Protein backbone atom coordinates (compact mmCIF):
# COMPACT_ATOMS: atom_id res chain seq x y z
CA MET A 1 4.25 20.55 0.71
CA ASP A 2 1.95 18.65 3.10
CA ILE A 3 -0.60 16.94 0.85
CA THR A 4 -2.24 13.64 1.75
CA LEU A 5 -4.38 11.62 -0.65
CA GLU A 6 -6.88 9.01 0.45
CA GLN A 7 -8.97 6.72 -1.70
CA PRO A 8 -11.33 3.93 -0.61
CA ALA A 9 -10.34 0.53 -1.96
CA ARG A 10 -12.70 -2.40 -1.90
CA GLY A 11 -10.66 -5.54 -1.60
CA ARG A 12 -11.73 -9.16 -1.64
CA LEU A 13 -10.02 -11.47 0.86
CA ILE A 14 -9.44 -14.90 -0.61
CA THR A 15 -9.92 -17.49 2.13
CA ALA A 16 -8.24 -20.89 2.49
CA ASP A 17 -11.38 -22.54 1.09
CA GLU A 18 -11.26 -20.14 -1.90
CA ARG A 19 -14.23 -18.01 -0.86
CA GLU A 20 -13.98 -14.25 -1.35
CA LEU A 21 -14.99 -11.92 1.46
CA PRO A 22 -15.34 -8.14 1.00
CA VAL A 23 -12.74 -6.14 2.90
CA PRO A 24 -12.89 -2.34 3.11
CA ALA A 25 -9.57 -0.55 2.96
CA THR A 26 -8.17 2.91 2.29
CA LEU A 27 -5.22 3.72 0.07
CA ARG A 28 -3.23 6.65 1.45
CA TYR A 29 -0.30 8.69 0.13
CA ALA A 30 1.49 11.54 1.87
CA ALA A 31 3.78 13.96 0.04
CA THR A 32 5.91 14.05 3.21
CA ASP A 33 6.72 10.34 2.65
CA PRO A 34 6.94 10.40 -1.16
CA LEU A 35 8.26 6.90 -1.81
CA ALA A 36 5.59 5.03 0.16
CA VAL A 37 1.94 4.14 -0.14
CA HIS A 38 -0.17 2.99 2.79
CA LEU A 39 -3.02 0.52 2.83
CA ASP A 40 -5.20 1.04 5.91
CA PHE A 41 -7.63 -1.60 7.16
CA PRO A 42 -10.31 -0.71 9.75
CA PRO A 43 -10.44 -2.40 13.17
CA GLU A 44 -13.41 -4.60 12.29
CA VAL A 45 -11.38 -6.63 9.77
CA SER A 46 -8.31 -7.29 11.91
CA LEU A 47 -7.74 -10.27 14.16
CA ASP A 48 -7.25 -8.19 17.31
CA GLY A 49 -9.81 -5.47 16.64
CA THR A 50 -7.32 -2.67 15.96
CA GLY A 51 -6.73 -0.87 12.68
CA VAL A 52 -3.85 -2.16 10.59
CA THR A 53 -1.68 -0.26 8.12
CA TRP A 54 0.60 -1.85 5.55
CA THR A 55 3.25 0.44 4.07
CA PHE A 56 5.15 -0.40 0.92
CA GLY A 57 6.94 1.32 -1.93
CA ARG A 58 5.06 3.31 -4.51
CA ALA A 59 7.41 1.79 -7.10
CA LEU A 60 6.38 -1.69 -5.93
CA LEU A 61 2.74 -0.86 -6.57
CA GLN A 62 3.58 0.52 -10.01
CA GLU A 63 5.58 -2.56 -10.96
CA GLY A 64 3.01 -4.97 -9.49
CA LEU A 65 0.29 -3.55 -11.72
CA ARG A 66 2.30 -4.76 -14.74
CA ARG A 67 4.08 -7.92 -13.57
CA PRO A 68 4.79 -9.91 -10.38
CA ALA A 69 6.74 -7.73 -7.96
CA GLY A 70 8.02 -7.87 -4.41
CA GLY A 71 9.96 -10.46 -2.54
CA GLY A 72 9.28 -9.68 1.09
CA ASP A 73 6.21 -9.07 3.22
CA VAL A 74 4.30 -7.47 0.33
CA GLN A 75 3.99 -9.06 -3.08
CA ILE A 76 1.82 -7.73 -5.90
CA TRP A 77 0.89 -9.15 -9.28
CA PRO A 78 -1.71 -8.73 -12.02
CA CYS A 79 -4.52 -11.30 -12.13
CA GLY A 80 -5.89 -10.89 -15.61
CA PRO A 81 -6.63 -7.47 -17.09
CA ALA A 82 -9.03 -6.25 -14.38
CA LEU A 83 -7.67 -7.49 -11.04
CA THR A 84 -4.48 -7.14 -9.02
CA VAL A 85 -3.50 -9.43 -6.15
CA LEU A 86 -1.74 -8.25 -2.99
CA GLU A 87 -0.16 -10.92 -0.81
CA LEU A 88 0.63 -9.67 2.70
CA HIS A 89 2.83 -11.68 5.10
CA SER A 90 3.08 -11.08 8.85
CA PRO A 91 4.20 -13.15 11.84
CA TYR A 92 0.52 -14.05 12.29
CA GLY A 93 0.00 -15.45 8.81
CA MET A 94 -0.67 -14.45 5.24
CA ALA A 95 -3.54 -12.62 3.57
CA LEU A 96 -4.33 -12.77 -0.12
CA LEU A 97 -6.47 -9.89 -1.42
CA ARG A 98 -7.77 -8.91 -4.85
CA PHE A 99 -8.32 -5.31 -5.86
CA ASP A 100 -9.68 -3.64 -8.97
CA THR A 101 -6.65 -2.75 -11.10
CA ALA A 102 -8.27 0.41 -12.46
CA ALA A 103 -8.80 1.75 -8.92
CA LEU A 104 -5.18 1.04 -7.96
CA ARG A 105 -3.92 2.63 -11.17
CA ARG A 106 -6.13 5.70 -10.61
CA PHE A 107 -4.72 6.09 -7.09
CA LEU A 108 -1.15 5.70 -8.35
CA LEU A 109 -1.67 8.36 -11.02
CA ARG A 110 -3.04 10.73 -8.37
CA THR A 111 0.15 10.22 -6.31
CA TYR A 112 2.30 11.14 -9.32
CA ALA A 113 0.25 14.31 -9.76
CA VAL A 114 1.31 15.28 -6.22
CA VAL A 115 4.96 14.16 -6.45
CA ALA A 116 6.24 13.13 -9.86
CA ALA A 117 8.43 10.05 -10.20
CA GLY A 118 12.05 11.06 -9.74
CA GLN A 119 11.08 14.32 -8.02
CA GLU A 120 10.83 12.92 -4.51
CA ASP A 121 12.66 15.21 -2.08
CA LEU A 122 14.15 12.82 0.41
CA GLY A 123 16.03 15.41 2.46
CA ALA A 124 13.25 15.96 4.98
CA ALA A 125 12.45 12.24 5.20
CA VAL A 126 16.11 11.35 5.79
CA GLU A 127 16.42 14.05 8.43
CA GLU A 128 13.28 12.83 10.20
CA GLY A 129 14.51 9.23 10.09
CA LEU A 130 17.90 10.16 11.51
CA ASN A 131 16.27 12.21 14.26
CA SER A 132 14.04 9.29 15.21
CA LEU A 133 17.07 7.00 15.39
CA PHE A 134 19.52 9.30 17.14
CA GLY A 135 17.35 11.94 18.76
CA ASN A 136 19.05 15.28 19.18
CA VAL A 137 22.57 13.86 19.54
C-alpha cells in the first residue's frame, strides 16, 4: 500500500526575544514508512535556502500531544489546551515552534486511518534499510 498523506501546518517560531513569527510547514506521512511522520519546511524559512525535513516517530507525536515527550533532537509537549510545542535541535542551533493541537491531532488520526497502531508492517522497511546498508551483498 503506497499512500502518502500531506497536511499544511502553520507553525509559529518563537524567537530569542519571545516574538512569534509565522512559519509554513507540511506534515507528511507515508504508509511505506509507517512509524514515522515528517515535518517539511520550505526553502524560504531555512538558514541556507534549502528545504528542511524533520523526521520523528508517530508515537512521539501522539505522546507529545498529551504530555512532554522526547529526549533527543525532537521534543514535543502540550502548551495549554490549544497549542503544542515542538523543540527541534540540530548542530546549527535550536528552534522552538508552536502548532495548533487540533491540527496535529487531526493529522495523527488521519495516519491511523491509513495504518492502524500496532498494524505497521515493518518487513518492507527493514528490508529496504538492510539493502541501503549492505547493498546486494
